[in-house]
C-alpha atoms as a PDB file:
ATOM      1  CA  MET A   1      82.564  96.326  78.841  1.00  0.00           C
ATOM      2  CA  LYS A   2      81.150  95.242  81.833  1.00  0.00           C
ATOM      3  CA  ILE A   3      82.884  95.988  84.948  1.00  0.00           C
ATOM      4  CA  SER A   4      82.134  95.160  88.502  1.00  0.00           C
ATOM      5  CA  PHE A   5      82.818  96.664  91.892  1.00  0.00           C
ATOM      6  CA  ILE A   6      82.719  94.991  95.203  1.00  0.00           C
ATOM      7  CA  GLY A   7      81.961  97.511  97.882  1.00  0.00           C
ATOM      8  CA  THR A   8      80.313 101.051  97.241  1.00  0.00           C
ATOM      9  CA  GLY A   9      82.321 103.171  99.850  1.00  0.00           C
ATOM     10  CA  VAL A  10      83.502 106.816  98.514  1.00  0.00           C
ATOM     11  CA  PHE A  11      86.830 105.293  96.616  1.00  0.00           C
ATOM     12  CA  SER A  12      84.894 102.760  94.994  1.00  0.00           C
ATOM     13  CA  LEU A  13      82.437 104.989  93.737  1.00  0.00           C
ATOM     14  CA  ALA A  14      85.172 107.591  92.588  1.00  0.00           C
ATOM     15  CA  VAL A  15      86.860 105.167  90.691  1.00  0.00           C
ATOM     16  CA  ALA A  16      83.343 103.877  89.037  1.00  0.00           C
ATOM     17  CA  ILE A  17      82.569 107.321  88.182  1.00  0.00           C
ATOM     18  CA  ASN A  18      85.970 107.928  86.158  1.00  0.00           C
ATOM     19  CA  LEU A  19      85.286 104.546  84.273  1.00  0.00           C
ATOM     20  CA  ALA A  20      81.448 105.754  83.805  1.00  0.00           C
ATOM     21  CA  GLN A  21      82.913 108.241  81.232  1.00  0.00           C
ATOM     22  CA  ASN A  22      83.232 105.701  78.821  1.00  0.00           C
ATOM     23  CA  LYS A  23      79.646 105.367  77.947  1.00  0.00           C
ATOM     24  CA  ASP A  24      80.258 102.009  76.379  1.00  0.00           C
ATOM     25  CA  ASN A  25      80.963 100.421  79.904  1.00  0.00           C
ATOM     26  CA  LYS A  26      78.305  98.823  82.165  1.00  0.00           C
ATOM     27  CA  ILE A  27      79.276  99.313  85.561  1.00  0.00           C
ATOM     28  CA  MET A  28      77.388  96.993  88.146  1.00  0.00           C
ATOM     29  CA  MET A  29      78.274  97.634  92.103  1.00  0.00           C
ATOM     30  CA  TRP A  30      77.667  95.346  94.774  1.00  0.00           C
ATOM     31  CA  SER A  31      76.675  96.503  98.543  1.00  0.00           C
ATOM     32  CA  GLU A  32      75.474  94.539 101.179  1.00  0.00           C
ATOM     33  CA  ASN A  33      73.209  97.448 102.254  1.00  0.00           C
ATOM     34  CA  LEU A  34      69.830  97.060 101.249  1.00  0.00           C
ATOM     35  CA  GLY A  35      68.833 100.399 102.135  1.00  0.00           C
ATOM     36  CA  LEU A  36      71.372 102.199  99.795  1.00  0.00           C
ATOM     37  CA  VAL A  37      70.400  99.619  97.099  1.00  0.00           C
ATOM     38  CA  GLN A  38      66.716 100.770  97.506  1.00  0.00           C
ATOM     39  CA  GLU A  39      67.698 104.368  97.509  1.00  0.00           C
ATOM     40  CA  PHE A  40      70.061 104.386  94.499  1.00  0.00           C
ATOM     41  CA  GLN A  41      67.517 102.122  92.495  1.00  0.00           C
ATOM     42  CA  GLU A  42      64.666 104.664  93.373  1.00  0.00           C
ATOM     43  CA  LYS A  43      66.653 107.799  93.120  1.00  0.00           C
ATOM     44  CA  HIS A  44      69.783 106.986  91.405  1.00  0.00           C
ATOM     45  CA  THR A  45      72.043 108.518  94.356  1.00  0.00           C
ATOM     46  CA  ILE A  46      73.928 107.586  97.538  1.00  0.00           C
ATOM     47  CA  SER A  47      72.950 109.939 100.128  1.00  0.00           C
ATOM     48  CA  GLN A  48      75.719 108.852 102.527  1.00  0.00           C
ATOM     49  CA  ILE A  49      78.314 110.042 100.249  1.00  0.00           C
ATOM     50  CA  LYS A  50      78.600 113.738  99.126  1.00  0.00           C
ATOM     51  CA  LEU A  51      79.283 114.228  95.486  1.00  0.00           C
ATOM     52  CA  ASN A  52      79.733 117.772  93.463  1.00  0.00           C
ATOM     53  CA  ASN A  53      78.726 115.463  90.495  1.00  0.00           C
ATOM     54  CA  GLU A  54      75.698 113.318  89.630  1.00  0.00           C
ATOM     55  CA  ILE A  55      76.435 109.139  89.053  1.00  0.00           C
ATOM     56  CA  PRO A  56      76.553 108.568  85.727  1.00  0.00           C
ATOM     57  CA  ASP A  57      73.651 106.725  84.261  1.00  0.00           C
ATOM     58  CA  ASN A  58      75.404 103.741  83.489  1.00  0.00           C
ATOM     59  CA  ILE A  59      76.724 102.669  86.852  1.00  0.00           C
ATOM     60  CA  LEU A  60      73.967 100.603  88.738  1.00  0.00           C
ATOM     61  CA  VAL A  61      73.672  99.217  92.410  1.00  0.00           C
ATOM     62  CA  SER A  62      72.612  95.304  93.197  1.00  0.00           C
ATOM     63  CA  ASN A  63      72.636  93.181  96.374  1.00  0.00           C
ATOM     64  CA  ASP A  64      73.163  90.196  94.266  1.00  0.00           C
ATOM     65  CA  TYR A  65      76.377  88.669  93.371  1.00  0.00           C
ATOM     66  CA  GLN A  66      75.241  86.890  90.102  1.00  0.00           C
ATOM     67  CA  THR A  67      73.665  89.999  88.787  1.00  0.00           C
ATOM     68  CA  VAL A  68      76.609  92.117  89.631  1.00  0.00           C
ATOM     69  CA  LEU A  69      79.438  89.731  88.012  1.00  0.00           C
ATOM     70  CA  GLN A  70      77.642  87.520  85.309  1.00  0.00           C
ATOM     71  CA  ASP A  71      79.630  88.010  82.330  1.00  0.00           C
ATOM     72  CA  THR A  72      81.874  90.838  83.768  1.00  0.00           C
ATOM     73  CA  GLN A  73      85.034  91.356  82.253  1.00  0.00           C
ATOM     74  CA  ILE A  74      86.989  92.830  85.146  1.00  0.00           C
ATOM     75  CA  VAL A  75      86.292  93.038  88.922  1.00  0.00           C
ATOM     76  CA  PHE A  76      87.292  95.764  91.148  1.00  0.00           C
ATOM     77  CA  VAL A  77      87.622  94.794  94.768  1.00  0.00           C
ATOM     78  CA  ILE A  78      87.389  97.561  97.150  1.00  0.00           C
ATOM     79  CA  PRO A  79      86.061  96.962 100.588  1.00  0.00           C
ATOM     80  CA  ALA A  80      87.512  98.026 103.747  1.00  0.00           C
ATOM     81  CA  MET A  81      90.303  95.630 105.226  1.00  0.00           C
ATOM     82  CA  PRO A  82      88.325  93.559 107.825  1.00  0.00           C
ATOM     83  CA  TYR A  83      85.884  92.533 104.879  1.00  0.00           C
ATOM     84  CA  LEU A  84      88.263  91.701 101.903  1.00  0.00           C
ATOM     85  CA  ARG A  85      88.773  88.295 102.864  1.00  0.00           C
ATOM     86  CA  GLY A  86      84.979  87.780 102.826  1.00  0.00           C
ATOM     87  CA  ALA A  87      84.466  89.586  99.872  1.00  0.00           C
ATOM     88  CA  CYS A  88      87.206  87.527  97.687  1.00  0.00           C
ATOM     89  CA  GLU A  89      85.368  84.247  98.989  1.00  0.00           C
ATOM     90  CA  ASN A  90      81.902  85.289  98.261  1.00  0.00           C
ATOM     91  CA  ILE A  91      83.033  86.264  94.691  1.00  0.00           C
ATOM     92  CA  LYS A  92      84.750  83.129  93.985  1.00  0.00           C
ATOM     93  CA  PRO A  93      81.843  80.876  92.861  1.00  0.00           C
ATOM     94  CA  PHE A  94      80.569  83.664  90.372  1.00  0.00           C
ATOM     95  CA  ILE A  95      83.770  84.824  88.442  1.00  0.00           C
ATOM     96  CA  ASN A  96      85.589  83.063  85.391  1.00  0.00           C
ATOM     97  CA  GLN A  97      88.978  82.292  86.998  1.00  0.00           C
ATOM     98  CA  ASN A  98      90.165  84.238  83.775  1.00  0.00           C
ATOM     99  CA  VAL A  99      88.525  87.388  84.878  1.00  0.00           C
ATOM    100  CA  PRO A 100      91.349  90.101  86.180  1.00  0.00           C
ATOM    101  CA  VAL A 101      90.722  91.022  89.595  1.00  0.00           C
ATOM    102  CA  VAL A 102      91.817  94.545  90.658  1.00  0.00           C
ATOM    103  CA  ILE A 103      92.332  94.984  94.590  1.00  0.00           C
ATOM    104  CA  GLY A 104      91.968  98.494  95.797  1.00  0.00           C
ATOM    105  CA  THR A 105      92.196  97.931  99.466  1.00  0.00           C
ATOM    106  CA  LYS A 106      95.230  99.476 101.189  1.00  0.00           C
ATOM    107  CA  GLY A 107      95.936  97.043 104.203  1.00  0.00           C
ATOM    108  CA  ILE A 108      97.215  94.195 105.962  1.00  0.00           C
ATOM    109  CA  GLU A 109      95.294  91.632 108.053  1.00  0.00           C
ATOM    110  CA  ASP A 110      95.481  91.891 111.887  1.00  0.00           C
ATOM    111  CA  LYS A 111      95.340  88.154 112.586  1.00  0.00           C
ATOM    112  CA  THR A 112      97.495  86.756 109.776  1.00  0.00           C
ATOM    113  CA  GLY A 113      99.896  89.524 108.847  1.00  0.00           C
ATOM    114  CA  LYS A 114      98.908  89.093 105.439  1.00  0.00           C
ATOM    115  CA  LEU A 115      98.669  91.821 102.775  1.00  0.00           C
ATOM    116  CA  ALA A 116      95.568  92.467 100.937  1.00  0.00           C
ATOM    117  CA  ILE A 117      97.004  91.462  97.743  1.00  0.00           C
ATOM    118  CA  GLU A 118      98.093  87.917  99.319  1.00  0.00           C
ATOM    119  CA  ILE A 119      94.936  87.492 100.789  1.00  0.00           C
ATOM    120  CA  ALA A 120      93.416  87.792  97.198  1.00  0.00           C
ATOM    121  CA  GLN A 121      95.917  85.266  95.571  1.00  0.00           C
ATOM    122  CA  GLU A 122      95.466  83.053  98.443  1.00  0.00           C
ATOM    123  CA  ILE A 123      91.336  82.667  97.809  1.00  0.00           C
ATOM    124  CA  LEU A 124      91.252  83.282  94.074  1.00  0.00           C
ATOM    125  CA  THR A 125      92.566  81.625  91.078  1.00  0.00           C
ATOM    126  CA  ASN A 126      92.347  84.808  88.862  1.00  0.00           C
ATOM    127  CA  PRO A 127      95.090  87.070  87.964  1.00  0.00           C
ATOM    128  CA  CYS A 128      95.116  89.716  90.803  1.00  0.00           C
ATOM    129  CA  TYR A 129      96.472  92.841  90.433  1.00  0.00           C
ATOM    130  CA  MET A 130      96.894  95.822  93.137  1.00  0.00           C
ATOM    131  CA  MET A 131      95.859  99.304  92.649  1.00  0.00           C
ATOM    132  CA  SER A 132      97.108 102.092  94.689  1.00  0.00           C
ATOM    133  CA  GLY A 133      98.190 105.770  93.962  1.00  0.00           C
ATOM    134  CA  ALA A 134      97.844 109.531  95.536  1.00  0.00           C
ATOM    135  CA  SER A 135      94.171 110.291  95.117  1.00  0.00           C
ATOM    136  CA  LEU A 136      91.698 111.555  97.377  1.00  0.00           C
ATOM    137  CA  ALA A 137      88.422 109.959  96.791  1.00  0.00           C
ATOM    138  CA  GLN A 138      86.704 113.193  96.707  1.00  0.00           C
ATOM    139  CA  ASP A 139      89.307 114.663  94.077  1.00  0.00           C
ATOM    140  CA  MET A 140      88.759 111.566  92.110  1.00  0.00           C
ATOM    141  CA  ALA A 141      84.956 111.437  92.005  1.00  0.00           C
ATOM    142  CA  ASN A 142      85.084 115.240  90.785  1.00  0.00           C
ATOM    143  CA  LEU A 143      87.322 113.943  87.522  1.00  0.00           C
ATOM    144  CA  ASP A 144      90.577 115.702  88.821  1.00  0.00           C
ATOM    145  CA  LEU A 145      93.807 114.575  87.076  1.00  0.00           C
ATOM    146  CA  ILE A 146      95.243 111.814  89.026  1.00  0.00           C
ATOM    147  CA  GLY A 147      97.850 109.158  88.522  1.00  0.00           C
ATOM    148  CA  LEU A 148      97.458 105.461  89.731  1.00  0.00           C
ATOM    149  CA  THR A 149     100.091 102.385  89.923  1.00  0.00           C
ATOM    150  CA  ILE A 150      99.067  99.071  89.025  1.00  0.00           C
ATOM    151  CA  GLY A 151     101.385  96.577  90.586  1.00  0.00           C
ATOM    152  CA  TYR A 152     101.348  92.957  88.751  1.00  0.00           C
ATOM    153  CA  LYS A 153     103.449  89.727  88.645  1.00  0.00           C
ATOM    154  CA  GLU A 154     101.665  87.963  85.580  1.00  0.00           C
ATOM    155  CA  LYS A 155     100.828  89.658  82.701  1.00  0.00           C
ATOM    156  CA  LYS A 156      97.634  87.647  81.719  1.00  0.00           C
ATOM    157  CA  GLY A 157      94.684  89.935  81.842  1.00  0.00           C
ATOM    158  CA  LEU A 158      96.652  93.019  81.921  1.00  0.00           C
ATOM    159  CA  ASP A 159      95.358  94.676  78.535  1.00  0.00           C
ATOM    160  CA  ILE A 160      91.786  94.181  80.090  1.00  0.00           C
ATOM    161  CA  VAL A 161      92.818  96.058  83.152  1.00  0.00           C
ATOM    162  CA  LYS A 162      94.729  98.970  80.739  1.00  0.00           C
ATOM    163  CA  GLN A 163      91.311  99.066  78.656  1.00  0.00           C
ATOM    164  CA  ALA A 164      89.157  99.636  81.688  1.00  0.00           C
ATOM    165  CA  LEU A 165      91.320 102.537  83.212  1.00  0.00           C
ATOM    166  CA  ASN A 166      92.103 103.968  79.584  1.00  0.00           C
ATOM    167  CA  ILE A 167      90.274 107.466  80.928  1.00  0.00           C
ATOM    168  CA  GLU A 168      91.846 110.637  79.695  1.00  0.00           C
ATOM    169  CA  ASN A 169      92.199 112.231  83.460  1.00  0.00           C
ATOM    170  CA  ILE A 170      94.099 109.276  84.731  1.00  0.00           C
ATOM    171  CA  ALA A 171      97.697 108.966  84.086  1.00  0.00           C
ATOM    172  CA  LEU A 172      98.586 105.021  84.493  1.00  0.00           C
ATOM    173  CA  GLU A 173     101.992 103.418  85.446  1.00  0.00           C
ATOM    174  CA  PHE A 174     102.317  99.507  85.797  1.00  0.00           C
ATOM    175  CA  ILE A 175     104.959  98.198  88.074  1.00  0.00           C
ATOM    176  CA  PRO A 176     106.158  94.445  88.384  1.00  0.00           C
ATOM    177  CA  ASP A 177     105.769  94.515  92.182  1.00  0.00           C
ATOM    178  CA  LYS A 178     102.193  94.064  93.365  1.00  0.00           C
ATOM    179  CA  ILE A 179     103.599  92.988  96.981  1.00  0.00           C
ATOM    180  CA  GLY A 180     105.679  96.631  96.875  1.00  0.00           C
ATOM    181  CA  ILE A 181     103.048  98.364  96.135  1.00  0.00           C
ATOM    182  CA  ASN A 182     100.855  97.034  98.451  1.00  0.00           C
ATOM    183  CA  VAL A 183     103.598  97.292 101.503  1.00  0.00           C
ATOM    184  CA  SER A 184     103.858 101.077 100.199  1.00  0.00           C
ATOM    185  CA  SER A 185     100.007 101.716 100.554  1.00  0.00           C
ATOM    186  CA  VAL A 186     100.381 100.738 104.172  1.00  0.00           C
ATOM    187  CA  LEU A 187     103.431 102.469 105.123  1.00  0.00           C
ATOM    188  CA  LYS A 188     102.581 105.858 103.848  1.00  0.00           C
ATOM    189  CA  ASN A 189      99.450 106.022 105.948  1.00  0.00           C
ATOM    190  CA  ILE A 190     101.469 105.150 109.444  1.00  0.00           C
ATOM    191  CA  TYR A 191     104.072 107.426 108.611  1.00  0.00           C
ATOM    192  CA  ALA A 192     101.155 110.063 107.900  1.00  0.00           C
ATOM    193  CA  ILE A 193     100.712 109.612 111.650  1.00  0.00           C
ATOM    194  CA  GLY A 194     103.927 110.599 112.491  1.00  0.00           C
ATOM    195  CA  ALA A 195     103.592 113.628 110.472  1.00  0.00           C
ATOM    196  CA  GLY A 196     100.575 114.505 112.008  1.00  0.00           C
ATOM    197  CA  MET A 197     102.289 114.452 115.507  1.00  0.00           C
ATOM    198  CA  LEU A 198     104.973 116.707 114.543  1.00  0.00           C
ATOM    199  CA  ASN A 199     102.294 119.359 113.246  1.00  0.00           C
ATOM    200  CA  GLY A 200     100.377 118.922 116.444  1.00  0.00           C
ATOM    201  CA  LEU A 201     103.487 119.683 118.626  1.00  0.00           C
ATOM    202  CA  GLY A 202     103.439 122.927 116.636  1.00  0.00           C
ATOM    203  CA  TYR A 203     105.950 122.171 113.656  1.00  0.00           C
ATOM    204  CA  GLN A 204     105.107 123.695 110.358  1.00  0.00           C
ATOM    205  CA  LYS A 205     106.078 122.845 106.506  1.00  0.00           C
ATOM    206  CA  SER A 206     109.808 123.244 106.944  1.00  0.00           C
ATOM    207  CA  THR A 207     109.792 120.325 109.339  1.00  0.00           C
ATOM    208  CA  ASN A 208     107.554 118.284 107.388  1.00  0.00           C
ATOM    209  CA  ALA A 209     109.398 118.409 104.443  1.00  0.00           C
ATOM    210  CA  PHE A 210     112.217 117.378 106.652  1.00  0.00           C
ATOM    211  CA  TYR A 211     110.307 114.517 107.884  1.00  0.00           C
ATOM    212  CA  VAL A 212     109.038 113.475 104.771  1.00  0.00           C
ATOM    213  CA  ASN A 213     112.577 113.391 103.146  1.00  0.00           C
ATOM    214  CA  LEU A 214     113.834 111.086 105.774  1.00  0.00           C
ATOM    215  CA  VAL A 215     110.589 108.800 105.778  1.00  0.00           C
ATOM    216  CA  TYR A 216     111.450 108.457 101.987  1.00  0.00           C
ATOM    217  CA  GLN A 217     114.887 107.157 102.833  1.00  0.00           C
ATOM    218  CA  GLU A 218     113.790 104.953 105.607  1.00  0.00           C
ATOM    219  CA  MET A 219     111.097 103.368 103.172  1.00  0.00           C
ATOM    220  CA  GLN A 220     114.024 103.223 100.313  1.00  0.00           C
ATOM    221  CA  SER A 221     115.821 100.986 102.888  1.00  0.00           C
ATOM    222  CA  ILE A 222     112.954  98.900 103.556  1.00  0.00           C
ATOM    223  CA  PHE A 223     112.219  98.248  99.826  1.00  0.00           C
ATOM    224  CA  THR A 224     116.092  97.418  99.227  1.00  0.00           C
ATOM    225  CA  ASN A 225     116.233  95.020 102.108  1.00  0.00           C
ATOM    226  CA  LEU A 226     112.980  93.414 101.198  1.00  0.00           C
ATOM    227  CA  HIS A 227     114.070  93.201  97.226  1.00  0.00           C
ATOM    228  CA  PHE A 228     110.951  95.013  95.832  1.00  0.00           C
ATOM    229  CA  ASN A 229     111.133  96.604  92.459  1.00  0.00           C
ATOM    230  CA  LYS A 230     113.265  99.797  92.601  1.00  0.00           C
ATOM    231  CA  HIS A 231     110.440 101.617  90.699  1.00  0.00           C
ATOM    232  CA  ALA A 232     108.079 100.724  93.449  1.00  0.00           C
ATOM    233  CA  ILE A 233     108.943 103.360  95.867  1.00  0.00           C
ATOM    234  CA  THR A 234     109.392 106.188  93.211  1.00  0.00           C
ATOM    235  CA  SER A 235     105.479 105.430  91.814  1.00  0.00           C
ATOM    236  CA  TYR A 236     102.287 107.273  92.082  1.00  0.00           C
ATOM    237  CA  ALA A 237     101.794 104.652  94.994  1.00  0.00           C
ATOM    238  CA  GLY A 238     105.313 105.313  96.558  1.00  0.00           C
ATOM    239  CA  LEU A 239     106.402 109.015  96.667  1.00  0.00           C
ATOM    240  CA  ALA A 240     103.554 110.712  95.463  1.00  0.00           C
ATOM    241  CA  ASP A 241     101.060 108.958  97.756  1.00  0.00           C
ATOM    242  CA  LEU A 242     103.513 109.633 100.507  1.00  0.00           C
ATOM    243  CA  ILE A 243     103.975 113.200  99.963  1.00  0.00           C
ATOM    244  CA  PHE A 244     100.046 113.522  99.645  1.00  0.00           C
ATOM    245  CA  THR A 245      99.383 111.947 103.138  1.00  0.00           C
ATOM    246  CA  CYS A 246     101.845 113.436 104.989  1.00  0.00           C
ATOM    247  CA  THR A 247     100.739 116.979 103.947  1.00  0.00           C
ATOM    248  CA  SER A 248      96.760 116.676 103.503  1.00  0.00           C
ATOM    249  CA  SER A 249      94.861 117.909 106.185  1.00  0.00           C
ATOM    250  CA  ASP A 250      91.921 115.622 104.485  1.00  0.00           C
ATOM    251  CA  SER A 251      94.191 112.474 105.839  1.00  0.00           C
ATOM    252  CA  ARG A 252      92.331 110.755 108.651  1.00  0.00           C
ATOM    253  CA  ASN A 253      95.907 109.350 109.476  1.00  0.00           C
ATOM    254  CA  PHE A 254      97.524 113.002 109.930  1.00  0.00           C
ATOM    255  CA  ASN A 255      94.776 114.144 111.863  1.00  0.00           C
ATOM    256  CA  LEU A 256      95.213 111.390 114.297  1.00  0.00           C
ATOM    257  CA  GLY A 257      98.804 112.308 114.584  1.00  0.00           C
ATOM    258  CA  GLN A 258      97.703 115.643 115.754  1.00  0.00           C
ATOM    259  CA  ILE A 259      95.358 114.469 118.156  1.00  0.00           C
ATOM    260  CA  ILE A 260      97.818 112.177 119.840  1.00  0.00           C
ATOM    261  CA  ALA A 261     100.495 115.210 120.082  1.00  0.00           C
ATOM    262  CA  LYS A 262      97.900 117.359 121.714  1.00  0.00           C
ATOM    263  CA  ARG A 263      97.031 114.363 123.919  1.00  0.00           C
ATOM    264  CA  ALA A 264      93.184 114.768 123.162  1.00  0.00           C
ATOM    265  CA  ASN A 265      90.710 112.166 122.846  1.00  0.00           C
ATOM    266  CA  THR A 266      91.758 109.493 120.541  1.00  0.00           C
ATOM    267  CA  GLU A 267      89.060 106.836 121.210  1.00  0.00           C
ATOM    268  CA  ASP A 268      86.405 109.460 120.031  1.00  0.00           C
ATOM    269  CA  TYR A 269      88.336 109.989 116.844  1.00  0.00           C
ATOM    270  CA  LEU A 270      88.661 106.389 116.171  1.00  0.00           C
ATOM    271  CA  SER A 271      85.319 105.552 116.863  1.00  0.00           C
ATOM    272  CA  HIS A 272      83.938 107.833 114.549  1.00  0.00           C
ATOM    273  CA  ASN A 273      86.461 107.685 111.519  1.00  0.00           C
ATOM    274  CA  THR A 274      88.631 104.751 109.937  1.00  0.00           C
ATOM    275  CA  VAL A 275      92.157 105.475 110.160  1.00  0.00           C
ATOM    276  CA  GLU A 276      93.952 102.822 108.102  1.00  0.00           C
ATOM    277  CA  GLY A 277      97.180 103.589 109.307  1.00  0.00           C
ATOM    278  CA  TYR A 278      96.263 102.938 112.845  1.00  0.00           C
ATOM    279  CA  ASN A 279      94.395  99.779 112.026  1.00  0.00           C
ATOM    280  CA  SER A 280      97.430  98.516 109.994  1.00  0.00           C
ATOM    281  CA  LEU A 281     100.086  99.481 112.407  1.00  0.00           C
ATOM    282  CA  GLU A 282     100.318  96.215 114.620  1.00  0.00           C
ATOM    283  CA  ALA A 283     100.391  93.734 111.798  1.00  0.00           C
ATOM    284  CA  MET A 284     102.590  95.865 109.740  1.00  0.00           C
ATOM    285  CA  ASN A 285     105.051  95.775 112.684  1.00  0.00           C
ATOM    286  CA  MET A 286     104.607  92.030 112.984  1.00  0.00           C
ATOM    287  CA  TYR A 287     105.128  91.922 109.260  1.00  0.00           C
ATOM    288  CA  LEU A 288     108.554  94.056 109.481  1.00  0.00           C
ATOM    289  CA  ASN A 289     109.746  92.257 112.269  1.00  0.00           C
ATOM    290  CA  LYS A 290     109.223  88.750 110.857  1.00  0.00           C
ATOM    291  CA  LYS A 291     111.492  90.051 107.943  1.00  0.00           C
ATOM    292  CA  LYS A 292     113.988  91.341 110.364  1.00  0.00           C
ATOM    293  CA  ILE A 293     113.752  95.006 108.879  1.00  0.00           C
ATOM    294  CA  THR A 294     115.116  97.788 111.168  1.00  0.00           C
ATOM    295  CA  ALA A 295     113.169 101.151 110.481  1.00  0.00           C
ATOM    296  CA  PRO A 296     113.450 103.642 113.317  1.00  0.00           C
ATOM    297  CA  ILE A 297     110.902 106.276 112.341  1.00  0.00           C
ATOM    298  CA  PHE A 298     108.332 103.480 112.110  1.00  0.00           C
ATOM    299  CA  GLN A 299     109.117 101.490 115.324  1.00  0.00           C
ATOM    300  CA  THR A 300     109.106 105.139 116.985  1.00  0.00           C
ATOM    301  CA  ILE A 301     105.559 105.617 115.895  1.00  0.00           C
ATOM    302  CA  TYR A 302     104.517 102.232 116.995  1.00  0.00           C
ATOM    303  CA  ALA A 303     106.082 102.671 120.078  1.00  0.00           C
ATOM    304  CA  ILE A 304     104.151 106.126 120.919  1.00  0.00           C
ATOM    305  CA  ILE A 305     100.950 104.424 119.822  1.00  0.00           C
ATOM    306  CA  TYR A 306     101.376 100.910 121.837  1.00  0.00           C
ATOM    307  CA  GLU A 307     104.129 101.651 124.289  1.00  0.00           C
ATOM    308  CA  LYS A 308     102.880 105.176 125.338  1.00  0.00           C
ATOM    309  CA  THR A 309     106.462 106.864 124.654  1.00  0.00           C
ATOM    310  CA  GLU A 310     106.206 110.488 124.628  1.00  0.00           C
ATOM    311  CA  VAL A 311     105.636 111.966 121.228  1.00  0.00           C
ATOM    312  CA  GLN A 312     108.849 114.180 121.327  1.00  0.00           C
ATOM    313  CA  GLU A 313     110.856 110.837 121.200  1.00  0.00           C
ATOM    314  CA  LEU A 314     109.706 111.453 117.362  1.00  0.00           C
ATOM    315  CA  ILE A 315     112.153 114.003 116.940  1.00  0.00           C
ATOM    316  CA  THR A 316     115.129 112.550 118.688  1.00  0.00           C
ATOM    317  CA  THR A 317     114.681 109.629 116.273  1.00  0.00           C
ATOM    318  CA  LEU A 318     114.702 111.838 113.582  1.00  0.00           C
ATOM    319  CA  PHE A 319     118.142 113.772 114.456  1.00  0.00           C
ATOM    320  CA  LYS A 320     119.519 110.400 115.368  1.00  0.00           C
ATOM    321  CA  ARG A 321     119.284 109.422 111.754  1.00  0.00           C
END
């Protein structure tokens, strides 16, 4: 099977490495970085991404859309959120409209308030799916056991998605609600900032468990009011990813929360790190307000970051629940 990837970030590469375990797969990755492409073609490595294992031989990188997408059977689109719209527009002329497109970008667009999967559906006529789950890219690249959720609406092309991701160390689940899966992937990053704030104030694991439980209840309320599939919240992309992101010191969202609570230099941290929860906070606030959703913990995190409310207000909010 020919499998195409748009983007050569660490998560894209991690997914590609897993799919490359099937030696019958030919995997082509597109990158706009000509230096990266040249390095890969010469040394079969990407020096800016640190891996414990070598990149499999059946993964290739190119800067040419036609080379990457011609005769492909499935496309994984996983750029950073600001580049998703452009990526979808760029690949549209090169792929047959029956080819399934899997969106792995977890975000919401600032200007429009549209979710990643909504942007893909707006531009592409292909069957589109949302992929998310509790997985650190580095762990995934090391072929750890992980769970991934695929959110879908139409079943056209779903068999190809299953075939491509049929790898023994990946547990797959399919939820008929790609919007709910996308919203969950955004919210868990934002709530992880709150978990980091509590840790930065000195609270430890017991408080974290208390916090995650209340956040889970709040997410259940949000999902009920938005009429999402009830299984979206209990999926790998829901509860599992929430726990993972809110308890991991490897989470940039969690680390940002710590920095905010300690009144350290957030601008310096944000200038050197992509923090998805921070980048999507304002747009998700607009999204929930438009839907007339009340979410006290979410709204308190928003107020701390954008309205300069004291971090201790998060504790007050938790005890008002």
